[in-house]
Amino acid sequence: MTFDPIGDIMRHYKIPMTRENYVALNHLDDPPAEISSEEEEEELPEQFQTSYPTVEDALVAVEIAELKRLYTLGGQ
């Protein structure tokens, strides 16, 4: 398990696990308008990085997996 005190605080206080909330809590004194460097982006937990798959991406991946499964079943 990774050390993530900000995530722990969010879970404890039932704060919605969004990128915006994470960044705001992580920069209480002066939250940035946006994450401007690749280095800053990589410091965020994976689920809050912009390269993390969206719900739509995940649904497409599930649909592709299901189509492959059906195609494999049909070929037997």
PDB file of N, CA and C in Angstrom:
ATOM      1  N   MET A   1       0.847  -1.193   0.000  1.00  0.00           N
ATOM      2  CA  MET A   1       0.000   0.000   0.000  1.00  0.00           C
ATOM      3  C   MET A   1       0.885   1.247   0.000  1.00  0.00           C
ATOM      4  N   THR A   2       0.563   2.196  -0.832  1.00  0.00           N
ATOM      5  CA  THR A   2       1.353   3.418  -0.940  1.00  0.00           C
ATOM      6  C   THR A   2       0.972   4.417   0.146  1.00  0.00           C
ATOM      7  N   PHE A   3       1.953   5.182   0.545  1.00  0.00           N
ATOM      8  CA  PHE A   3       1.736   6.236   1.540  1.00  0.00           C
ATOM      9  C   PHE A   3       1.031   7.396   0.851  1.00  0.00           C
ATOM     10  N   ASP A   4      -0.177   7.714   1.289  1.00  0.00           N
ATOM     11  CA  ASP A   4      -0.966   8.780   0.665  1.00  0.00           C
ATOM     12  C   ASP A   4      -1.789   9.497   1.736  1.00  0.00           C
ATOM     13  N   PRO A   5      -1.156  10.407   2.498  1.00  0.00           N
ATOM     14  CA  PRO A   5      -1.895  11.072   3.581  1.00  0.00           C
ATOM     15  C   PRO A   5      -3.072  11.912   3.086  1.00  0.00           C
ATOM     16  N   ILE A   6      -2.958  12.520   1.923  1.00  0.00           N
ATOM     17  CA  ILE A   6      -4.063  13.328   1.393  1.00  0.00           C
ATOM     18  C   ILE A   6      -5.258  12.412   1.086  1.00  0.00           C
ATOM     19  N   GLY A   7      -4.982  11.291   0.432  1.00  0.00           N
ATOM     20  CA  GLY A   7      -6.048  10.328   0.149  1.00  0.00           C
ATOM     21  C   GLY A   7      -6.671   9.790   1.430  1.00  0.00           C
ATOM     22  N   ASP A   8      -5.847   9.560   2.448  1.00  0.00           N
ATOM     23  CA  ASP A   8      -6.367   9.088   3.742  1.00  0.00           C
ATOM     24  C   ASP A   8      -7.322  10.113   4.347  1.00  0.00           C
ATOM     25  N   ILE A   9      -6.945  11.381   4.278  1.00  0.00           N
ATOM     26  CA  ILE A   9      -7.810  12.452   4.804  1.00  0.00           C
ATOM     27  C   ILE A   9      -9.124  12.490   4.026  1.00  0.00           C
ATOM     28  N   MET A  10      -9.032  12.370   2.704  1.00  0.00           N
ATOM     29  CA  MET A  10     -10.235  12.413   1.874  1.00  0.00           C
ATOM     30  C   MET A  10     -11.174  11.257   2.217  1.00  0.00           C
ATOM     31  N   ARG A  11     -10.608  10.067   2.391  1.00  0.00           N
ATOM     32  CA  ARG A  11     -11.442   8.913   2.741  1.00  0.00           C
ATOM     33  C   ARG A  11     -12.041   9.084   4.140  1.00  0.00           C
ATOM     34  N   HIS A  12     -11.236   9.534   5.094  1.00  0.00           N
ATOM     35  CA  HIS A  12     -11.701   9.687   6.470  1.00  0.00           C
ATOM     36  C   HIS A  12     -12.870  10.670   6.568  1.00  0.00           C
ATOM     37  N   TYR A  13     -12.752  11.796   5.885  1.00  0.00           N
ATOM     38  CA  TYR A  13     -13.795  12.826   5.950  1.00  0.00           C
ATOM     39  C   TYR A  13     -14.824  12.707   4.827  1.00  0.00           C
ATOM     40  N   LYS A  14     -14.750  11.590   4.085  1.00  0.00           N
ATOM     41  CA  LYS A  14     -15.694  11.313   2.997  1.00  0.00           C
ATOM     42  C   LYS A  14     -15.760  12.453   1.967  1.00  0.00           C
ATOM     43  N   ILE A  15     -14.595  13.003   1.666  1.00  0.00           N
ATOM     44  CA  ILE A  15     -14.476  14.037   0.627  1.00  0.00           C
ATOM     45  C   ILE A  15     -14.437  13.308  -0.711  1.00  0.00           C
ATOM     46  N   PRO A  16     -15.245  13.691  -1.689  1.00  0.00           N
ATOM     47  CA  PRO A  16     -15.235  13.017  -2.991  1.00  0.00           C
ATOM     48  C   PRO A  16     -13.812  12.936  -3.563  1.00  0.00           C
ATOM     49  N   MET A  17     -13.456  11.745  -4.039  1.00  0.00           N
ATOM     50  CA  MET A  17     -12.111  11.493  -4.555  1.00  0.00           C
ATOM     51  C   MET A  17     -11.991  12.018  -5.984  1.00  0.00           C
ATOM     52  N   THR A  18     -11.833  13.334  -6.094  1.00  0.00           N
ATOM     53  CA  THR A  18     -11.651  13.950  -7.411  1.00  0.00           C
ATOM     54  C   THR A  18     -10.279  14.594  -7.475  1.00  0.00           C
ATOM     55  N   ARG A  19      -9.810  14.780  -8.674  1.00  0.00           N
ATOM     56  CA  ARG A  19      -8.517  15.430  -8.895  1.00  0.00           C
ATOM     57  C   ARG A  19      -8.523  16.831  -8.284  1.00  0.00           C
ATOM     58  N   GLU A  20      -9.600  17.569  -8.488  1.00  0.00           N
ATOM     59  CA  GLU A  20      -9.682  18.941  -7.995  1.00  0.00           C
ATOM     60  C   GLU A  20      -9.592  18.987  -6.469  1.00  0.00           C
ATOM     61  N   ASN A  21     -10.315  18.091  -5.797  1.00  0.00           N
ATOM     62  CA  ASN A  21     -10.264  18.054  -4.333  1.00  0.00           C
ATOM     63  C   ASN A  21      -8.878  17.661  -3.841  1.00  0.00           C
ATOM     64  N   TYR A  22      -8.261  16.702  -4.505  1.00  0.00           N
ATOM     65  CA  TYR A  22      -6.920  16.251  -4.096  1.00  0.00           C
ATOM     66  C   TYR A  22      -5.916  17.399  -4.206  1.00  0.00           C
ATOM     67  N   VAL A  23      -5.922  18.073  -5.334  1.00  0.00           N
ATOM     68  CA  VAL A  23      -4.977  19.178  -5.549  1.00  0.00           C
ATOM     69  C   VAL A  23      -5.241  20.303  -4.546  1.00  0.00           C
ATOM     70  N   ALA A  24      -6.503  20.624  -4.298  1.00  0.00           N
ATOM     71  CA  ALA A  24      -6.839  21.691  -3.345  1.00  0.00           C
ATOM     72  C   ALA A  24      -6.343  21.346  -1.941  1.00  0.00           C
ATOM     73  N   LEU A  25      -6.538  20.103  -1.516  1.00  0.00           N
ATOM     74  CA  LEU A  25      -6.071  19.705  -0.183  1.00  0.00           C
ATOM     75  C   LEU A  25      -4.551  19.626  -0.111  1.00  0.00           C
ATOM     76  N   ASN A  26      -3.929  19.235  -1.194  1.00  0.00           N
ATOM     77  CA  ASN A  26      -2.479  19.101  -1.223  1.00  0.00           C
ATOM     78  C   ASN A  26      -1.778  20.459  -1.251  1.00  0.00           C
ATOM     79  N   HIS A  27      -2.484  21.499  -1.663  1.00  0.00           N
ATOM     80  CA  HIS A  27      -1.923  22.860  -1.768  1.00  0.00           C
ATOM     81  C   HIS A  27      -2.810  23.827  -0.983  1.00  0.00           C
ATOM     82  N   LEU A  28      -3.029  23.540   0.284  1.00  0.00           N
ATOM     83  CA  LEU A  28      -3.946  24.360   1.079  1.00  0.00           C
ATOM     84  C   LEU A  28      -3.602  25.843   1.079  1.00  0.00           C
ATOM     85  N   ASP A  29      -2.314  26.148   1.093  1.00  0.00           N
ATOM     86  CA  ASP A  29      -1.918  27.554   1.162  1.00  0.00           C
ATOM     87  C   ASP A  29      -2.162  28.299  -0.147  1.00  0.00           C
ATOM     88  N   ASP A  30      -1.968  27.629  -1.286  1.00  0.00           N
ATOM     89  CA  ASP A  30      -2.104  28.309  -2.578  1.00  0.00           C
ATOM     90  C   ASP A  30      -2.291  27.287  -3.700  1.00  0.00           C
ATOM     91  N   PRO A  31      -3.514  26.757  -3.872  1.00  0.00           N
ATOM     92  CA  PRO A  31      -3.698  25.748  -4.916  1.00  0.00           C
ATOM     93  C   PRO A  31      -3.455  26.329  -6.309  1.00  0.00           C
ATOM     94  N   PRO A  32      -2.746  25.589  -7.166  1.00  0.00           N
ATOM     95  CA  PRO A  32      -2.491  26.086  -8.522  1.00  0.00           C
ATOM     96  C   PRO A  32      -3.768  26.042  -9.363  1.00  0.00           C
ATOM     97  N   ALA A  33      -3.844  26.927 -10.324  1.00  0.00           N
ATOM     98  CA  ALA A  33      -4.999  26.917 -11.231  1.00  0.00           C
ATOM     99  C   ALA A  33      -5.000  25.635 -12.055  1.00  0.00           C
ATOM    100  N   GLU A  34      -3.803  25.158 -12.381  1.00  0.00           N
ATOM    101  CA  GLU A  34      -3.667  23.902 -13.112  1.00  0.00           C
ATOM    102  C   GLU A  34      -2.284  23.324 -12.853  1.00  0.00           C
ATOM    103  N   ILE A  35      -2.160  22.024 -13.053  1.00  0.00           N
ATOM    104  CA  ILE A  35      -0.860  21.366 -12.939  1.00  0.00           C
ATOM    105  C   ILE A  35      -0.134  21.642 -14.245  1.00  0.00           C
ATOM    106  N   SER A  36       1.003  22.324 -14.147  1.00  0.00           N
ATOM    107  CA  SER A  36       1.627  22.820 -15.370  1.00  0.00           C
ATOM    108  C   SER A  36       2.799  21.986 -15.870  1.00  0.00           C
ATOM    109  N   SER A  37       3.387  21.147 -15.029  1.00  0.00           N
ATOM    110  CA  SER A  37       4.544  20.400 -15.518  1.00  0.00           C
ATOM    111  C   SER A  37       4.301  18.899 -15.437  1.00  0.00           C
ATOM    112  N   GLU A  38       5.008  18.182 -16.285  1.00  0.00           N
ATOM    113  CA  GLU A  38       4.889  16.728 -16.295  1.00  0.00           C
ATOM    114  C   GLU A  38       5.356  16.145 -14.956  1.00  0.00           C
ATOM    115  N   GLU A  39       6.354  16.769 -14.368  1.00  0.00           N
ATOM    116  CA  GLU A  39       6.877  16.307 -13.076  1.00  0.00           C
ATOM    117  C   GLU A  39       5.807  16.419 -11.981  1.00  0.00           C
ATOM    118  N   GLU A  40       5.104  17.550 -11.948  1.00  0.00           N
ATOM    119  CA  GLU A  40       4.025  17.723 -10.972  1.00  0.00           C
ATOM    120  C   GLU A  40       2.912  16.703 -11.210  1.00  0.00           C
ATOM    121  N   GLU A  41       2.620  16.457 -12.460  1.00  0.00           N
ATOM    122  CA  GLU A  41       1.576  15.498 -12.826  1.00  0.00           C
ATOM    123  C   GLU A  41       1.933  14.103 -12.323  1.00  0.00           C
ATOM    124  N   GLU A  42       3.198  13.716 -12.467  1.00  0.00           N
ATOM    125  CA  GLU A  42       3.636  12.384 -12.051  1.00  0.00           C
ATOM    126  C   GLU A  42       3.646  12.228 -10.537  1.00  0.00           C
ATOM    127  N   GLU A  43       3.675  13.337  -9.799  1.00  0.00           N
ATOM    128  CA  GLU A  43       3.652  13.273  -8.340  1.00  0.00           C
ATOM    129  C   GLU A  43       2.249  12.981  -7.802  1.00  0.00           C
ATOM    130  N   LEU A  44       1.227  13.204  -8.626  1.00  0.00           N
ATOM    131  CA  LEU A  44      -0.142  12.911  -8.214  1.00  0.00           C
ATOM    132  C   LEU A  44      -0.355  11.398  -8.210  1.00  0.00           C
ATOM    133  N   PRO A  45      -1.227  10.900  -7.333  1.00  0.00           N
ATOM    134  CA  PRO A  45      -1.579   9.479  -7.416  1.00  0.00           C
ATOM    135  C   PRO A  45      -2.121   9.174  -8.814  1.00  0.00           C
ATOM    136  N   GLU A  46      -1.905   7.966  -9.271  1.00  0.00           N
ATOM    137  CA  GLU A  46      -2.263   7.580 -10.642  1.00  0.00           C
ATOM    138  C   GLU A  46      -3.713   7.922 -10.991  1.00  0.00           C
ATOM    139  N   GLN A  47      -4.629   7.710 -10.045  1.00  0.00           N
ATOM    140  CA  GLN A  47      -6.039   7.944 -10.348  1.00  0.00           C
ATOM    141  C   GLN A  47      -6.364   9.409 -10.608  1.00  0.00           C
ATOM    142  N   PHE A  48      -5.471  10.323 -10.209  1.00  0.00           N
ATOM    143  CA  PHE A  48      -5.711  11.746 -10.428  1.00  0.00           C
ATOM    144  C   PHE A  48      -4.869  12.312 -11.566  1.00  0.00           C
ATOM    145  N   GLN A  49      -4.066  11.490 -12.202  1.00  0.00           N
ATOM    146  CA  GLN A  49      -3.275  11.950 -13.339  1.00  0.00           C
ATOM    147  C   GLN A  49      -4.174  12.027 -14.570  1.00  0.00           C
ATOM    148  N   THR A  50      -3.880  12.970 -15.442  1.00  0.00           N
ATOM    149  CA  THR A  50      -4.728  13.129 -16.626  1.00  0.00           C
ATOM    150  C   THR A  50      -4.620  11.939 -17.565  1.00  0.00           C
ATOM    151  N   SER A  51      -3.543  11.178 -17.462  1.00  0.00           N
ATOM    152  CA  SER A  51      -3.397  10.010 -18.336  1.00  0.00           C
ATOM    153  C   SER A  51      -4.170   8.812 -17.816  1.00  0.00           C
ATOM    154  N   TYR A  52      -4.739   8.909 -16.610  1.00  0.00           N
ATOM    155  CA  TYR A  52      -5.514   7.806 -16.041  1.00  0.00           C
ATOM    156  C   TYR A  52      -6.778   7.620 -16.867  1.00  0.00           C
ATOM    157  N   PRO A  53      -7.156   6.375 -17.164  1.00  0.00           N
ATOM    158  CA  PRO A  53      -8.332   6.154 -18.023  1.00  0.00           C
ATOM    159  C   PRO A  53      -9.612   6.755 -17.429  1.00  0.00           C
ATOM    160  N   THR A  54     -10.418   7.291 -18.311  1.00  0.00           N
ATOM    161  CA  THR A  54     -11.718   7.822 -17.896  1.00  0.00           C
ATOM    162  C   THR A  54     -12.724   6.672 -17.813  1.00  0.00           C
ATOM    163  N   VAL A  55     -13.893   6.958 -17.293  1.00  0.00           N
ATOM    164  CA  VAL A  55     -14.955   5.953 -17.226  1.00  0.00           C
ATOM    165  C   VAL A  55     -15.290   5.486 -18.642  1.00  0.00           C
ATOM    166  N   GLU A  56     -15.325   6.409 -19.576  1.00  0.00           N
ATOM    167  CA  GLU A  56     -15.632   6.053 -20.963  1.00  0.00           C
ATOM    168  C   GLU A  56     -14.570   5.105 -21.516  1.00  0.00           C
ATOM    169  N   ASP A  57     -13.290   5.384 -21.218  1.00  0.00           N
ATOM    170  CA  ASP A  57     -12.206   4.504 -21.666  1.00  0.00           C
ATOM    171  C   ASP A  57     -12.383   3.102 -21.089  1.00  0.00           C
ATOM    172  N   ALA A  58     -12.724   3.030 -19.822  1.00  0.00           N
ATOM    173  CA  ALA A  58     -12.910   1.740 -19.162  1.00  0.00           C
ATOM    174  C   ALA A  58     -14.076   0.973 -19.784  1.00  0.00           C
ATOM    175  N   LEU A  59     -15.169   1.665 -20.083  1.00  0.00           N
ATOM    176  CA  LEU A  59     -16.320   1.005 -20.693  1.00  0.00           C
ATOM    177  C   LEU A  59     -15.983   0.464 -22.079  1.00  0.00           C
ATOM    178  N   VAL A  60     -15.227   1.224 -22.847  1.00  0.00           N
ATOM    179  CA  VAL A  60     -14.811   0.757 -24.175  1.00  0.00           C
ATOM    180  C   VAL A  60     -13.933  -0.483 -24.028  1.00  0.00           C
ATOM    181  N   ALA A  61     -13.027  -0.481 -23.059  1.00  0.00           N
ATOM    182  CA  ALA A  61     -12.159  -1.636 -22.840  1.00  0.00           C
ATOM    183  C   ALA A  61     -12.970  -2.867 -22.464  1.00  0.00           C
ATOM    184  N   VAL A  62     -13.998  -2.693 -21.643  1.00  0.00           N
ATOM    185  CA  VAL A  62     -14.862  -3.812 -21.251  1.00  0.00           C
ATOM    186  C   VAL A  62     -15.617  -4.337 -22.475  1.00  0.00           C
ATOM    187  N   GLU A  63     -16.121  -3.427 -23.297  1.00  0.00           N
ATOM    188  CA  GLU A  63     -16.849  -3.846 -24.494  1.00  0.00           C
ATOM    189  C   GLU A  63     -15.936  -4.612 -25.448  1.00  0.00           C
ATOM    190  N   ILE A  64     -14.712  -4.151 -25.616  1.00  0.00           N
ATOM    191  CA  ILE A  64     -13.755  -4.840 -26.493  1.00  0.00           C
ATOM    192  C   ILE A  64     -13.454  -6.229 -25.951  1.00  0.00           C
ATOM    193  N   ALA A  65     -13.233  -6.318 -24.636  1.00  0.00           N
ATOM    194  CA  ALA A  65     -12.961  -7.621 -24.027  1.00  0.00           C
ATOM    195  C   ALA A  65     -14.137  -8.578 -24.228  1.00  0.00           C
ATOM    196  N   GLU A  66     -15.348  -8.071 -24.086  1.00  0.00           N
ATOM    197  CA  GLU A  66     -16.539  -8.901 -24.268  1.00  0.00           C
ATOM    198  C   GLU A  66     -16.667  -9.355 -25.722  1.00  0.00           C
ATOM    199  N   LEU A  67     -16.396  -8.467 -26.667  1.00  0.00           N
ATOM    200  CA  LEU A  67     -16.453  -8.849 -28.081  1.00  0.00           C
ATOM    201  C   LEU A  67     -15.408  -9.916 -28.404  1.00  0.00           C
ATOM    202  N   LYS A  68     -14.215  -9.778 -27.852  1.00  0.00           N
ATOM    203  CA  LYS A  68     -13.172 -10.793 -28.066  1.00  0.00           C
ATOM    204  C   LYS A  68     -13.606 -12.135 -27.486  1.00  0.00           C
ATOM    205  N   ARG A  69     -14.231 -12.090 -26.305  1.00  0.00           N
ATOM    206  CA  ARG A  69     -14.688 -13.322 -25.680  1.00  0.00           C
ATOM    207  C   ARG A  69     -15.760 -14.000 -26.542  1.00  0.00           C
ATOM    208  N   LEU A  70     -16.717 -13.209 -27.026  1.00  0.00           N
ATOM    209  CA  LEU A  70     -17.777 -13.767 -27.869  1.00  0.00           C
ATOM    210  C   LEU A  70     -17.223 -14.310 -29.176  1.00  0.00           C
ATOM    211  N   TYR A  71     -16.244 -13.599 -29.747  1.00  0.00           N
ATOM    212  CA  TYR A  71     -15.632 -14.048 -31.004  1.00  0.00           C
ATOM    213  C   TYR A  71     -14.914 -15.377 -30.784  1.00  0.00           C
ATOM    214  N   THR A  72     -14.223 -15.505 -29.660  1.00  0.00           N
ATOM    215  CA  THR A  72     -13.512 -16.729 -29.331  1.00  0.00           C
ATOM    216  C   THR A  72     -14.498 -17.878 -29.125  1.00  0.00           C
ATOM    217  N   LEU A  73     -15.608 -17.623 -28.460  1.00  0.00           N
ATOM    218  CA  LEU A  73     -16.616 -18.653 -28.243  1.00  0.00           C
ATOM    219  C   LEU A  73     -17.244 -19.098 -29.557  1.00  0.00           C
ATOM    220  N   GLY A  74     -17.437 -18.139 -30.454  1.00  0.00           N
ATOM    221  CA  GLY A  74     -18.065 -18.450 -31.748  1.00  0.00           C
ATOM    222  C   GLY A  74     -17.167 -19.267 -32.644  1.00  0.00           C
ATOM    223  N   GLY A  75     -15.868 -19.152 -32.448  1.00  0.00           N
ATOM    224  CA  GLY A  75     -14.909 -19.874 -33.295  1.00  0.00           C
ATOM    225  C   GLY A  75     -14.671 -21.311 -32.860  1.00  0.00           C
ATOM    226  N   GLN A  76     -15.292 -21.724 -31.763  1.00  0.00           N
ATOM    227  CA  GLN A  76     -15.050 -23.092 -31.279  1.00  0.00           C
ATOM    228  C   GLN A  76     -16.016 -24.065 -31.877  1.00  0.00           C
TER     229      GLN A  76
END
